[in-house]
Structures are given as structure tokens and as C-alpha cells.
PDB file of all heavy atoms in Angstrom:
ATOM      1  N   TYR A   1     287.292 302.600  37.944  1.00  0.00           N
ATOM      2  CA  TYR A   1     287.699 301.377  37.291  1.00  0.00           C
ATOM      3  C   TYR A   1     287.916 301.618  35.821  1.00  0.00           C
ATOM      4  O   TYR A   1     288.853 301.125  35.212  1.00  0.00           O
ATOM      5  CB  TYR A   1     286.615 300.329  37.580  1.00  0.00           C
ATOM      6  CG  TYR A   1     286.776 299.054  36.746  1.00  0.00           C
ATOM      7  CD1 TYR A   1     287.899 298.272  36.924  1.00  0.00           C
ATOM      8  CD2 TYR A   1     285.798 298.637  35.833  1.00  0.00           C
ATOM      9  CE1 TYR A   1     288.074 297.127  36.202  1.00  0.00           C
ATOM     10  CE2 TYR A   1     285.931 297.479  35.169  1.00  0.00           C
ATOM     11  CZ  TYR A   1     287.095 296.666  35.324  1.00  0.00           C
ATOM     12  OH  TYR A   1     287.268 295.544  34.603  1.00  0.00           O
ATOM     13  N   LYS A   2     287.031 302.386  35.235  1.00  0.00           N
ATOM     14  CA  LYS A   2     287.236 302.840  33.869  1.00  0.00           C
ATOM     15  C   LYS A   2     286.264 304.006  33.564  1.00  0.00           C
ATOM     16  O   LYS A   2     285.297 304.263  34.316  1.00  0.00           O
ATOM     17  CB  LYS A   2     286.994 301.720  32.845  1.00  0.00           C
ATOM     18  CG  LYS A   2     285.601 301.276  32.619  1.00  0.00           C
ATOM     19  CD  LYS A   2     285.645 300.223  31.587  1.00  0.00           C
ATOM     20  CE  LYS A   2     284.240 299.867  31.087  1.00  0.00           C
ATOM     21  NZ  LYS A   2     284.285 298.794  30.130  1.00  0.00           N
ATOM     22  N   HIS A   3     286.567 304.676  32.459  1.00  0.00           N
ATOM     23  CA  HIS A   3     285.641 305.743  31.983  1.00  0.00           C
ATOM     24  C   HIS A   3     285.621 305.685  30.482  1.00  0.00           C
ATOM     25  O   HIS A   3     286.573 305.225  29.860  1.00  0.00           O
ATOM     26  CB  HIS A   3     285.926 307.125  32.511  1.00  0.00           C
ATOM     27  CG  HIS A   3     287.357 307.564  32.172  1.00  0.00           C
ATOM     28  ND1 HIS A   3     288.178 308.174  33.083  1.00  0.00           N
ATOM     29  CD2 HIS A   3     288.050 307.620  31.006  1.00  0.00           C
ATOM     30  CE1 HIS A   3     289.319 308.515  32.582  1.00  0.00           C
ATOM     31  NE2 HIS A   3     289.300 308.179  31.296  1.00  0.00           N
ATOM     32  N   GLU A   4     284.520 306.045  29.939  1.00  0.00           N
ATOM     33  CA  GLU A   4     284.298 306.011  28.467  1.00  0.00           C
ATOM     34  C   GLU A   4     283.694 307.337  27.997  1.00  0.00           C
ATOM     35  O   GLU A   4     282.934 307.922  28.755  1.00  0.00           O
ATOM     36  CB  GLU A   4     283.445 304.822  28.129  1.00  0.00           C
ATOM     37  CG  GLU A   4     283.985 303.483  28.449  1.00  0.00           C
ATOM     38  CD  GLU A   4     283.073 302.332  28.018  1.00  0.00           C
ATOM     39  OE1 GLU A   4     282.118 302.514  27.386  1.00  0.00           O
ATOM     40  OE2 GLU A   4     283.340 301.203  28.573  1.00  0.00           O
ATOM     41  N   GLY A   5     283.883 307.638  26.771  1.00  0.00           N
ATOM     42  CA  GLY A   5     283.140 308.759  26.108  1.00  0.00           C
ATOM     43  C   GLY A   5     283.915 310.010  26.174  1.00  0.00           C
ATOM     44  O   GLY A   5     283.275 311.042  25.768  1.00  0.00           O
ATOM     45  N   MET A   6     285.105 310.117  26.655  1.00  0.00           N
ATOM     46  CA  MET A   6     285.791 311.353  26.821  1.00  0.00           C
ATOM     47  C   MET A   6     286.222 311.986  25.480  1.00  0.00           C
ATOM     48  O   MET A   6     286.577 313.190  25.411  1.00  0.00           O
ATOM     49  CB  MET A   6     287.028 311.240  27.719  1.00  0.00           C
ATOM     50  CG  MET A   6     286.602 310.974  29.172  1.00  0.00           C
ATOM     51  SD  MET A   6     285.648 312.185  29.972  1.00  0.00           S
ATOM     52  CE  MET A   6     286.944 313.414  30.416  1.00  0.00           C
ATOM     53  N   HIS A   7     286.214 311.206  24.445  1.00  0.00           N
ATOM     54  CA  HIS A   7     286.584 311.800  23.084  1.00  0.00           C
ATOM     55  C   HIS A   7     285.403 312.412  22.426  1.00  0.00           C
ATOM     56  O   HIS A   7     285.480 313.570  22.002  1.00  0.00           O
ATOM     57  CB  HIS A   7     287.194 310.703  22.202  1.00  0.00           C
ATOM     58  CG  HIS A   7     288.509 310.148  22.730  1.00  0.00           C
ATOM     59  ND1 HIS A   7     289.619 310.926  22.874  1.00  0.00           N
ATOM     60  CD2 HIS A   7     288.823 308.935  23.235  1.00  0.00           C
ATOM     61  CE1 HIS A   7     290.588 310.229  23.376  1.00  0.00           C
ATOM     62  NE2 HIS A   7     290.149 309.011  23.636  1.00  0.00           N
ATOM     63  N   ALA A   8     284.263 311.741  22.348  1.00  0.00           N
ATOM     64  CA  ALA A   8     283.087 312.236  21.686  1.00  0.00           C
ATOM     65  C   ALA A   8     282.311 313.260  22.549  1.00  0.00           C
ATOM     66  O   ALA A   8     281.690 314.190  22.029  1.00  0.00           O
ATOM     67  CB  ALA A   8     282.117 311.084  21.286  1.00  0.00           C
ATOM     68  N   LEU A   9     282.343 313.098  23.840  1.00  0.00           N
ATOM     69  CA  LEU A   9     281.718 313.973  24.813  1.00  0.00           C
ATOM     70  C   LEU A   9     280.233 314.200  24.582  1.00  0.00           C
ATOM     71  O   LEU A   9     279.649 315.254  24.734  1.00  0.00           O
ATOM     72  CB  LEU A   9     282.427 315.365  24.858  1.00  0.00           C
ATOM     73  CG  LEU A   9     283.857 315.343  25.339  1.00  0.00           C
ATOM     74  CD1 LEU A   9     284.534 316.697  25.112  1.00  0.00           C
ATOM     75  CD2 LEU A   9     283.919 314.958  26.865  1.00  0.00           C
ATOM     76  N   GLN A  10     279.572 313.046  24.187  1.00  0.00           N
ATOM     77  CA  GLN A  10     278.106 313.065  24.037  1.00  0.00           C
ATOM     78  C   GLN A  10     277.500 312.415  25.361  1.00  0.00           C
ATOM     79  O   GLN A  10     276.440 312.807  25.761  1.00  0.00           O
ATOM     80  CB  GLN A  10     277.645 312.173  22.878  1.00  0.00           C
ATOM     81  CG  GLN A  10     278.250 312.627  21.504  1.00  0.00           C
ATOM     82  CD  GLN A  10     277.493 313.795  20.966  1.00  0.00           C
ATOM     83  OE1 GLN A  10     276.283 313.967  21.116  1.00  0.00           O
ATOM     84  NE2 GLN A  10     278.233 314.730  20.467  1.00  0.00           N
ATOM     85  N   TRP A  11     278.235 311.427  25.835  1.00  0.00           N
ATOM     86  CA  TRP A  11     277.788 310.641  26.985  1.00  0.00           C
ATOM     87  C   TRP A  11     279.073 310.103  27.662  1.00  0.00           C
ATOM     88  O   TRP A  11     279.774 309.281  27.088  1.00  0.00           O
ATOM     89  CB  TRP A  11     276.880 309.485  26.622  1.00  0.00           C
ATOM     90  CG  TRP A  11     276.499 308.591  27.684  1.00  0.00           C
ATOM     91  CD1 TRP A  11     276.782 308.629  28.975  1.00  0.00           C
ATOM     92  CD2 TRP A  11     275.728 307.363  27.465  1.00  0.00           C
ATOM     93  NE1 TRP A  11     276.173 307.476  29.662  1.00  0.00           N
ATOM     94  CE2 TRP A  11     275.530 306.742  28.717  1.00  0.00           C
ATOM     95  CE3 TRP A  11     275.166 306.778  26.349  1.00  0.00           C
ATOM     96  CZ2 TRP A  11     274.820 305.523  28.884  1.00  0.00           C
ATOM     97  CZ3 TRP A  11     274.486 305.588  26.528  1.00  0.00           C
ATOM     98  CH2 TRP A  11     274.302 304.978  27.804  1.00  0.00           C
ATOM     99  N   VAL A  12     279.467 310.628  28.774  1.00  0.00           N
ATOM    100  CA  VAL A  12     280.625 310.129  29.499  1.00  0.00           C
ATOM    101  C   VAL A  12     280.161 309.274  30.643  1.00  0.00           C
ATOM    102  O   VAL A  12     279.236 309.636  31.377  1.00  0.00           O
ATOM    103  CB  VAL A  12     281.499 311.305  30.072  1.00  0.00           C
ATOM    104  CG1 VAL A  12     282.579 310.851  30.937  1.00  0.00           C
ATOM    105  CG2 VAL A  12     282.101 312.060  28.882  1.00  0.00           C
ATOM    106  N   LEU A  13     280.722 308.097  30.727  1.00  0.00           N
ATOM    107  CA  LEU A  13     280.422 307.126  31.771  1.00  0.00           C
ATOM    108  C   LEU A  13     281.667 306.984  32.637  1.00  0.00           C
ATOM    109  O   LEU A  13     282.758 306.831  32.145  1.00  0.00           O
ATOM    110  CB  LEU A  13     280.061 305.832  31.132  1.00  0.00           C
ATOM    111  CG  LEU A  13     279.785 304.659  32.050  1.00  0.00           C
ATOM    112  CD1 LEU A  13     278.702 303.795  31.386  1.00  0.00           C
ATOM    113  CD2 LEU A  13     280.950 303.858  32.324  1.00  0.00           C
ATOM    114  N   ILE A  14     281.494 307.135  33.887  1.00  0.00           N
ATOM    115  CA  ILE A  14     282.624 306.972  34.886  1.00  0.00           C
ATOM    116  C   ILE A  14     282.219 305.771  35.811  1.00  0.00           C
ATOM    117  O   ILE A  14     281.168 305.901  36.582  1.00  0.00           O
ATOM    118  CB  ILE A  14     282.828 308.225  35.775  1.00  0.00           C
ATOM    119  CG1 ILE A  14     283.036 309.438  34.857  1.00  0.00           C
ATOM    120  CG2 ILE A  14     284.107 307.970  36.625  1.00  0.00           C
ATOM    121  CD1 ILE A  14     282.995 310.835  35.554  1.00  0.00           C
ATOM    122  N   ASP A  15     282.927 304.684  35.717  1.00  0.00           N
ATOM    123  CA  ASP A  15     282.563 303.456  36.491  1.00  0.00           C
ATOM    124  C   ASP A  15     283.387 303.314  37.698  1.00  0.00           C
ATOM    125  O   ASP A  15     284.662 303.071  37.659  1.00  0.00           O
ATOM    126  CB  ASP A  15     282.786 302.280  35.541  1.00  0.00           C
ATOM    127  CG  ASP A  15     282.312 300.964  36.083  1.00  0.00           C
ATOM    128  OD1 ASP A  15     281.993 300.905  37.317  1.00  0.00           O
ATOM    129  OD2 ASP A  15     282.308 300.010  35.316  1.00  0.00           O
ATOM    130  N   TYR A  16     282.718 303.424  38.907  1.00  0.00           N
ATOM    131  CA  TYR A  16     283.452 303.159  40.137  1.00  0.00           C
ATOM    132  C   TYR A  16     282.988 301.829  40.725  1.00  0.00           C
ATOM    133  O   TYR A  16     282.981 301.618  41.913  1.00  0.00           O
ATOM    134  CB  TYR A  16     283.093 304.283  41.132  1.00  0.00           C
ATOM    135  CG  TYR A  16     283.784 305.625  40.886  1.00  0.00           C
ATOM    136  CD1 TYR A  16     283.100 306.633  40.268  1.00  0.00           C
ATOM    137  CD2 TYR A  16     285.128 305.749  41.163  1.00  0.00           C
ATOM    138  CE1 TYR A  16     283.783 307.836  39.976  1.00  0.00           C
ATOM    139  CE2 TYR A  16     285.780 306.940  40.921  1.00  0.00           C
ATOM    140  CZ  TYR A  16     285.149 307.970  40.354  1.00  0.00           C
ATOM    141  OH  TYR A  16     285.740 309.142  40.042  1.00  0.00           O
ATOM    142  N   VAL A  17     282.594 300.915  39.894  1.00  0.00           N
ATOM    143  CA  VAL A  17     282.173 299.552  40.165  1.00  0.00           C
ATOM    144  C   VAL A  17     280.771 299.577  40.783  1.00  0.00           C
ATOM    145  O   VAL A  17     279.782 299.080  40.174  1.00  0.00           O
ATOM    146  CB  VAL A  17     283.173 298.717  40.913  1.00  0.00           C
ATOM    147  CG1 VAL A  17     282.618 297.290  41.173  1.00  0.00           C
ATOM    148  CG2 VAL A  17     284.514 298.623  40.198  1.00  0.00           C
ATOM    149  N   ASN A  18     280.636 300.090  42.000  1.00  0.00           N
ATOM    150  CA  ASN A  18     279.318 300.056  42.715  1.00  0.00           C
ATOM    151  C   ASN A  18     278.468 301.200  42.409  1.00  0.00           C
ATOM    152  O   ASN A  18     277.296 301.234  42.719  1.00  0.00           O
ATOM    153  CB  ASN A  18     279.560 299.855  44.187  1.00  0.00           C
ATOM    154  CG  ASN A  18     280.009 298.495  44.576  1.00  0.00           C
ATOM    155  OD1 ASN A  18     279.882 297.533  43.800  1.00  0.00           O
ATOM    156  ND2 ASN A  18     280.367 298.286  45.846  1.00  0.00           N
ATOM    157  N   VAL A  19     279.090 302.276  41.849  1.00  0.00           N
ATOM    158  CA  VAL A  19     278.259 303.445  41.394  1.00  0.00           C
ATOM    159  C   VAL A  19     278.861 303.842  40.043  1.00  0.00           C
ATOM    160  O   VAL A  19     280.035 303.919  39.790  1.00  0.00           O
ATOM    161  CB  VAL A  19     278.348 304.594  42.426  1.00  0.00           C
ATOM    162  CG1 VAL A  19     279.776 305.013  42.725  1.00  0.00           C
ATOM    163  CG2 VAL A  19     277.454 305.771  41.967  1.00  0.00           C
ATOM    164  N   VAL A  20     277.938 304.057  39.101  1.00  0.00           N
ATOM    165  CA  VAL A  20     278.308 304.455  37.771  1.00  0.00           C
ATOM    166  C   VAL A  20     277.694 305.814  37.403  1.00  0.00           C
ATOM    167  O   VAL A  20     276.517 305.974  37.697  1.00  0.00           O
ATOM    168  CB  VAL A  20     277.878 303.392  36.671  1.00  0.00           C
ATOM    169  CG1 VAL A  20     278.186 303.849  35.321  1.00  0.00           C
ATOM    170  CG2 VAL A  20     278.439 302.038  37.004  1.00  0.00           C
ATOM    171  N   VAL A  21     278.528 306.763  37.007  1.00  0.00           N
ATOM    172  CA  VAL A  21     278.109 308.134  36.787  1.00  0.00           C
ATOM    173  C   VAL A  21     277.937 308.269  35.241  1.00  0.00           C
ATOM    174  O   VAL A  21     278.802 307.876  34.442  1.00  0.00           O
ATOM    175  CB  VAL A  21     279.206 309.138  37.297  1.00  0.00           C
ATOM    176  CG1 VAL A  21     278.698 310.556  37.053  1.00  0.00           C
ATOM    177  CG2 VAL A  21     279.526 308.878  38.723  1.00  0.00           C
ATOM    178  N   HIS A  22     276.780 308.840  34.862  1.00  0.00           N
ATOM    179  CA  HIS A  22     276.494 309.146  33.458  1.00  0.00           C
ATOM    180  C   HIS A  22     276.340 310.596  33.313  1.00  0.00           C
ATOM    181  O   HIS A  22     275.430 311.203  33.877  1.00  0.00           O
ATOM    182  CB  HIS A  22     275.223 308.440  33.086  1.00  0.00           C
ATOM    183  CG  HIS A  22     275.202 306.935  33.258  1.00  0.00           C
ATOM    184  ND1 HIS A  22     275.659 306.073  32.237  1.00  0.00           N
ATOM    185  CD2 HIS A  22     274.933 306.198  34.328  1.00  0.00           C
ATOM    186  CE1 HIS A  22     275.538 304.804  32.730  1.00  0.00           C
ATOM    187  NE2 HIS A  22     275.069 304.911  33.973  1.00  0.00           N
ATOM    188  N   VAL A  23     277.157 311.264  32.501  1.00  0.00           N
ATOM    189  CA  VAL A  23     277.120 312.710  32.226  1.00  0.00           C
ATOM    190  C   VAL A  23     276.765 312.787  30.758  1.00  0.00           C
ATOM    191  O   VAL A  23     277.519 312.331  29.907  1.00  0.00           O
ATOM    192  CB  VAL A  23     278.418 313.444  32.513  1.00  0.00           C
ATOM    193  CG1 VAL A  23     278.241 314.968  32.317  1.00  0.00           C
ATOM    194  CG2 VAL A  23     278.879 313.142  33.950  1.00  0.00           C
ATOM    195  N   MET A  24     275.548 313.332  30.470  1.00  0.00           N
ATOM    196  CA  MET A  24     275.005 313.265  29.025  1.00  0.00           C
ATOM    197  C   MET A  24     274.564 314.580  28.516  1.00  0.00           C
ATOM    198  O   MET A  24     274.086 315.445  29.313  1.00  0.00           O
ATOM    199  CB  MET A  24     273.889 312.294  28.996  1.00  0.00           C
ATOM    200  CG  MET A  24     274.205 310.953  29.698  1.00  0.00           C
ATOM    201  SD  MET A  24     272.682 309.900  29.893  1.00  0.00           S
ATOM    202  CE  MET A  24     272.715 309.056  28.290  1.00  0.00           C
ATOM    203  N   LEU A  25     274.616 314.783  27.240  1.00  0.00           N
ATOM    204  CA  LEU A  25     273.939 315.851  26.558  1.00  0.00           C
ATOM    205  C   LEU A  25     272.459 315.508  26.590  1.00  0.00           C
ATOM    206  O   LEU A  25     272.065 314.387  26.684  1.00  0.00           O
ATOM    207  CB  LEU A  25     274.365 316.029  25.115  1.00  0.00           C
ATOM    208  CG  LEU A  25     275.778 316.574  24.881  1.00  0.00           C
ATOM    209  CD1 LEU A  25     276.072 316.525  23.362  1.00  0.00           C
ATOM    210  CD2 LEU A  25     275.880 317.959  25.397  1.00  0.00           C
ATOM    211  N   PRO A  26     271.529 316.574  26.681  1.00  0.00           N
ATOM    212  CA  PRO A  26     270.117 316.249  26.749  1.00  0.00           C
ATOM    213  C   PRO A  26     269.627 315.362  25.601  1.00  0.00           C
ATOM    214  O   PRO A  26     268.838 314.508  25.851  1.00  0.00           O
ATOM    215  CB  PRO A  26     269.515 317.697  26.589  1.00  0.00           C
ATOM    216  CG  PRO A  26     270.563 318.592  27.121  1.00  0.00           C
ATOM    217  CD  PRO A  26     271.873 317.946  26.706  1.00  0.00           C
ATOM    218  N   GLU A  27     270.129 315.568  24.410  1.00  0.00           N
ATOM    219  CA  GLU A  27     269.722 314.713  23.246  1.00  0.00           C
ATOM    220  C   GLU A  27     270.047 313.185  23.487  1.00  0.00           C
ATOM    221  O   GLU A  27     269.261 312.302  23.170  1.00  0.00           O
ATOM    222  CB  GLU A  27     270.375 315.141  21.945  1.00  0.00           C
ATOM    223  CG  GLU A  27     270.216 316.597  21.599  1.00  0.00           C
ATOM    224  CD  GLU A  27     271.198 317.525  22.284  1.00  0.00           C
ATOM    225  OE1 GLU A  27     272.413 317.276  22.331  1.00  0.00           O
ATOM    226  OE2 GLU A  27     270.732 318.555  22.816  1.00  0.00           O
ATOM    227  N   SER A  28     271.233 312.982  23.989  1.00  0.00           N
ATOM    228  CA  SER A  28     271.738 311.577  24.307  1.00  0.00           C
ATOM    229  C   SER A  28     270.846 311.004  25.427  1.00  0.00           C
ATOM    230  O   SER A  28     270.448 309.804  25.354  1.00  0.00           O
ATOM    231  CB  SER A  28     273.164 311.561  24.725  1.00  0.00           C
ATOM    232  OG  SER A  28     273.982 312.017  23.640  1.00  0.00           O
ATOM    233  N   ARG A  29     270.532 311.802  26.418  1.00  0.00           N
ATOM    234  CA  ARG A  29     269.708 311.273  27.555  1.00  0.00           C
ATOM    235  C   ARG A  29     268.290 310.904  27.014  1.00  0.00           C
ATOM    236  O   ARG A  29     267.812 309.861  27.431  1.00  0.00           O
ATOM    237  CB  ARG A  29     269.603 312.363  28.629  1.00  0.00           C
ATOM    238  CG  ARG A  29     268.994 311.752  29.888  1.00  0.00           C
ATOM    239  CD  ARG A  29     269.209 312.780  31.004  1.00  0.00           C
ATOM    240  NE  ARG A  29     268.675 312.268  32.232  1.00  0.00           N
ATOM    241  CZ  ARG A  29     268.773 312.953  33.403  1.00  0.00           C
ATOM    242  NH1 ARG A  29     269.391 314.100  33.409  1.00  0.00           N
ATOM    243  NH2 ARG A  29     268.293 312.424  34.473  1.00  0.00           N
ATOM    244  N   ARG A  30     267.751 311.793  26.123  1.00  0.00           N
ATOM    245  CA  ARG A  30     266.399 311.460  25.625  1.00  0.00           C
ATOM    246  C   ARG A  30     266.455 310.164  24.747  1.00  0.00           C
ATOM    247  O   ARG A  30     265.569 309.440  24.776  1.00  0.00           O
ATOM    248  CB  ARG A  30     265.850 312.654  24.780  1.00  0.00           C
ATOM    249  CG  ARG A  30     265.292 313.741  25.684  1.00  0.00           C
ATOM    250  CD  ARG A  30     264.558 314.753  24.810  1.00  0.00           C
ATOM    251  NE  ARG A  30     265.271 315.431  23.806  1.00  0.00           N
ATOM    252  CZ  ARG A  30     266.079 316.428  23.953  1.00  0.00           C
ATOM    253  NH1 ARG A  30     266.141 317.098  25.185  1.00  0.00           N
ATOM    254  NH2 ARG A  30     266.765 317.009  23.006  1.00  0.00           N
ATOM    255  N   PHE A  31     267.476 310.029  24.014  1.00  0.00           N
ATOM    256  CA  PHE A  31     267.616 308.886  23.077  1.00  0.00           C
ATOM    257  C   PHE A  31     267.782 307.560  23.884  1.00  0.00           C
ATOM    258  O   PHE A  31     267.091 306.598  23.563  1.00  0.00           O
ATOM    259  CB  PHE A  31     268.767 309.060  22.120  1.00  0.00           C
ATOM    260  CG  PHE A  31     268.912 307.986  21.164  1.00  0.00           C
ATOM    261  CD1 PHE A  31     268.102 307.933  20.016  1.00  0.00           C
ATOM    262  CD2 PHE A  31     269.855 306.972  21.332  1.00  0.00           C
ATOM    263  CE1 PHE A  31     268.226 306.875  19.094  1.00  0.00           C
ATOM    264  CE2 PHE A  31     269.986 305.921  20.427  1.00  0.00           C
ATOM    265  CZ  PHE A  31     269.167 305.888  19.316  1.00  0.00           C
ATOM    266  N   TYR A  32     268.664 307.538  24.843  1.00  0.00           N
ATOM    267  CA  TYR A  32     269.007 306.276  25.521  1.00  0.00           C
ATOM    268  C   TYR A  32     268.036 305.945  26.666  1.00  0.00           C
ATOM    269  O   TYR A  32     267.893 304.797  27.091  1.00  0.00           O
ATOM    270  CB  TYR A  32     270.432 306.289  26.063  1.00  0.00           C
ATOM    271  CG  TYR A  32     271.422 306.206  24.940  1.00  0.00           C
ATOM    272  CD1 TYR A  32     272.141 307.294  24.441  1.00  0.00           C
ATOM    273  CD2 TYR A  32     271.618 304.965  24.224  1.00  0.00           C
ATOM    274  CE1 TYR A  32     272.929 307.191  23.380  1.00  0.00           C
ATOM    275  CE2 TYR A  32     272.469 304.844  23.131  1.00  0.00           C
ATOM    276  CZ  TYR A  32     273.143 305.997  22.725  1.00  0.00           C
ATOM    277  OH  TYR A  32     273.990 305.893  21.608  1.00  0.00           O
ATOM    278  N   ARG A  33     267.361 306.958  27.236  1.00  0.00           N
ATOM    279  CA  ARG A  33     266.348 306.750  28.242  1.00  0.00           C
ATOM    280  C   ARG A  33     266.726 305.799  29.382  1.00  0.00           C
ATOM    281  O   ARG A  33     266.048 304.801  29.648  1.00  0.00           O
ATOM    282  CB  ARG A  33     265.023 306.328  27.582  1.00  0.00           C
ATOM    283  CG  ARG A  33     264.591 307.364  26.554  1.00  0.00           C
ATOM    284  CD  ARG A  33     263.217 307.072  26.006  1.00  0.00           C
ATOM    285  NE  ARG A  33     263.050 305.673  25.708  1.00  0.00           N
ATOM    286  CZ  ARG A  33     262.489 305.161  24.627  1.00  0.00           C
ATOM    287  NH1 ARG A  33     262.127 305.965  23.640  1.00  0.00           N
ATOM    288  NH2 ARG A  33     262.283 303.833  24.480  1.00  0.00           N
ATOM    289  N   LEU A  34     267.785 306.002  30.028  1.00  0.00           N
ATOM    290  CA  LEU A  34     268.308 305.104  31.095  1.00  0.00           C
ATOM    291  C   LEU A  34     267.256 304.933  32.235  1.00  0.00           C
ATOM    292  O   LEU A  34     267.073 303.896  32.704  1.00  0.00           O
ATOM    293  CB  LEU A  34     269.666 305.602  31.644  1.00  0.00           C
ATOM    294  CG  LEU A  34     270.761 305.484  30.699  1.00  0.00           C
ATOM    295  CD1 LEU A  34     272.049 306.057  31.423  1.00  0.00           C
ATOM    296  CD2 LEU A  34     271.081 304.089  30.242  1.00  0.00           C
ATOM    297  N   GLU A  35     266.581 306.095  32.560  1.00  0.00           N
ATOM    298  CA  GLU A  35     265.629 306.001  33.584  1.00  0.00           C
ATOM    299  C   GLU A  35     264.473 305.009  33.280  1.00  0.00           C
ATOM    300  O   GLU A  35     263.981 304.353  34.133  1.00  0.00           O
ATOM    301  CB  GLU A  35     265.031 307.413  33.966  1.00  0.00           C
ATOM    302  CG  GLU A  35     266.013 308.317  34.565  1.00  0.00           C
ATOM    303  CD  GLU A  35     266.690 309.242  33.590  1.00  0.00           C
ATOM    304  OE1 GLU A  35     266.924 308.929  32.409  1.00  0.00           O
ATOM    305  OE2 GLU A  35     267.149 310.347  33.977  1.00  0.00           O
ATOM    306  N   GLU A  36     264.064 305.015  32.048  1.00  0.00           N
ATOM    307  CA  GLU A  36     262.992 304.118  31.574  1.00  0.00           C
ATOM    308  C   GLU A  36     263.550 302.664  31.568  1.00  0.00           C
ATOM    309  O   GLU A  36     262.861 301.702  31.919  1.00  0.00           O
ATOM    310  CB  GLU A  36     262.513 304.511  30.152  1.00  0.00           C
ATOM    311  CG  GLU A  36     261.627 305.738  30.256  1.00  0.00           C
ATOM    312  CD  GLU A  36     261.135 306.039  28.834  1.00  0.00           C
ATOM    313  OE1 GLU A  36     260.773 305.119  28.059  1.00  0.00           O
ATOM    314  OE2 GLU A  36     261.055 307.288  28.572  1.00  0.00           O
ATOM    315  N   MET A  37     264.790 302.463  31.013  1.00  0.00           N
ATOM    316  CA  MET A  37     265.318 301.133  30.952  1.00  0.00           C
ATOM    317  C   MET A  37     265.405 300.502  32.310  1.00  0.00           C
ATOM    318  O   MET A  37     265.291 299.225  32.490  1.00  0.00           O
ATOM    319  CB  MET A  37     266.728 301.243  30.328  1.00  0.00           C
ATOM    320  CG  MET A  37     267.387 299.839  30.019  1.00  0.00           C
ATOM    321  SD  MET A  37     269.022 300.044  29.351  1.00  0.00           S
ATOM    322  CE  MET A  37     268.744 301.029  27.929  1.00  0.00           C
ATOM    323  N   TRP A  38     265.746 301.306  33.369  1.00  0.00           N
ATOM    324  CA  TRP A  38     265.845 300.804  34.757  1.00  0.00           C
ATOM    325  C   TRP A  38     264.718 301.316  35.624  1.00  0.00           C
ATOM    326  O   TRP A  38     264.859 301.743  36.735  1.00  0.00           O
ATOM    327  CB  TRP A  38     267.208 301.236  35.324  1.00  0.00           C
ATOM    328  CG  TRP A  38     268.357 300.641  34.685  1.00  0.00           C
ATOM    329  CD1 TRP A  38     269.077 301.142  33.623  1.00  0.00           C
ATOM    330  CD2 TRP A  38     268.898 299.355  34.839  1.00  0.00           C
ATOM    331  NE1 TRP A  38     270.096 300.290  33.246  1.00  0.00           N
ATOM    332  CE2 TRP A  38     269.963 299.162  33.950  1.00  0.00           C
ATOM    333  CE3 TRP A  38     268.549 298.301  35.754  1.00  0.00           C
ATOM    334  CZ2 TRP A  38     270.742 297.982  33.917  1.00  0.00           C
ATOM    335  CZ3 TRP A  38     269.272 297.135  35.704  1.00  0.00           C
ATOM    336  CH2 TRP A  38     270.390 296.963  34.788  1.00  0.00           C
ATOM    337  N   SER A  39     263.464 301.268  35.058  1.00  0.00           N
ATOM    338  CA  SER A  39     262.282 301.820  35.752  1.00  0.00           C
ATOM    339  C   SER A  39     261.924 301.101  37.006  1.00  0.00           C
ATOM    340  O   SER A  39     261.171 301.691  37.860  1.00  0.00           O
ATOM    341  CB  SER A  39     261.071 301.870  34.742  1.00  0.00           C
ATOM    342  OG  SER A  39     260.808 300.546  34.375  1.00  0.00           O
ATOM    343  N   ASP A  40     262.480 299.936  37.260  1.00  0.00           N
ATOM    344  CA  ASP A  40     262.223 299.201  38.535  1.00  0.00           C
ATOM    345  C   ASP A  40     263.019 299.782  39.681  1.00  0.00           C
ATOM    346  O   ASP A  40     262.840 299.504  40.835  1.00  0.00           O
ATOM    347  CB  ASP A  40     262.529 297.742  38.383  1.00  0.00           C
ATOM    348  CG  ASP A  40     261.513 296.983  37.518  1.00  0.00           C
ATOM    349  OD1 ASP A  40     260.496 297.581  37.225  1.00  0.00           O
ATOM    350  OD2 ASP A  40     261.783 295.839  37.174  1.00  0.00           O
ATOM    351  N   ALA A  41     264.020 300.606  39.339  1.00  0.00           N
ATOM    352  CA  ALA A  41     264.904 301.194  40.388  1.00  0.00           C
ATOM    353  C   ALA A  41     264.222 302.325  41.116  1.00  0.00           C
ATOM    354  O   ALA A  41     263.426 303.062  40.557  1.00  0.00           O
ATOM    355  CB  ALA A  41     266.161 301.685  39.727  1.00  0.00           C
ATOM    356  N   GLU A  42     264.611 302.467  42.382  1.00  0.00           N
ATOM    357  CA  GLU A  42     264.126 303.647  43.165  1.00  0.00           C
ATOM    358  C   GLU A  42     264.794 304.867  42.588  1.00  0.00           C
ATOM    359  O   GLU A  42     266.041 304.939  42.302  1.00  0.00           O
ATOM    360  CB  GLU A  42     264.552 303.483  44.640  1.00  0.00           C
ATOM    361  CG  GLU A  42     264.056 304.594  45.548  1.00  0.00           C
ATOM    362  CD  GLU A  42     264.478 304.401  46.912  1.00  0.00           C
ATOM    363  OE1 GLU A  42     264.429 303.247  47.405  1.00  0.00           O
ATOM    364  OE2 GLU A  42     264.898 305.357  47.527  1.00  0.00           O
ATOM    365  N   TYR A  43     264.047 305.940  42.449  1.00  0.00           N
ATOM    366  CA  TYR A  43     264.475 307.136  41.664  1.00  0.00           C
ATOM    367  C   TYR A  43     264.489 308.291  42.612  1.00  0.00           C
ATOM    368  O   TYR A  43     263.578 308.500  43.412  1.00  0.00           O
ATOM    369  CB  TYR A  43     263.463 307.373  40.568  1.00  0.00           C
ATOM    370  CG  TYR A  43     263.593 308.583  39.762  1.00  0.00           C
ATOM    371  CD1 TYR A  43     264.260 308.555  38.530  1.00  0.00           C
ATOM    372  CD2 TYR A  43     262.978 309.796  40.140  1.00  0.00           C
ATOM    373  CE1 TYR A  43     264.354 309.636  37.710  1.00  0.00           C
ATOM    374  CE2 TYR A  43     263.083 310.929  39.355  1.00  0.00           C
ATOM    375  CZ  TYR A  43     263.798 310.867  38.098  1.00  0.00           C
ATOM    376  OH  TYR A  43     263.873 311.953  37.342  1.00  0.00           O
TER     377      TYR A  43
END
């Protein structure tokens, strides 16, 4: 549906509507902590 972050290449998001892919540098992943933000989700 859309993708973001292909210019900076720190965190690329690929949105397929029902599934969203996040490809991140380790530093970005530690900073944004998506797993903690969505801690109610099955992991």
C-alpha cells in the first residue's frame, strides 16, 4: 500500500495493510522499542 524510509535507510516500513514490515538498524530498533510499545501482542 505504501513504504517509507527508503531515503534515510534507518527504518524502512513496508505496509501491506494487514501486515506491516519494519526493517531497522539496531540503534533505531532500540530507540523506538516497537516490541515494548505493543507488549500486549503475541510475540
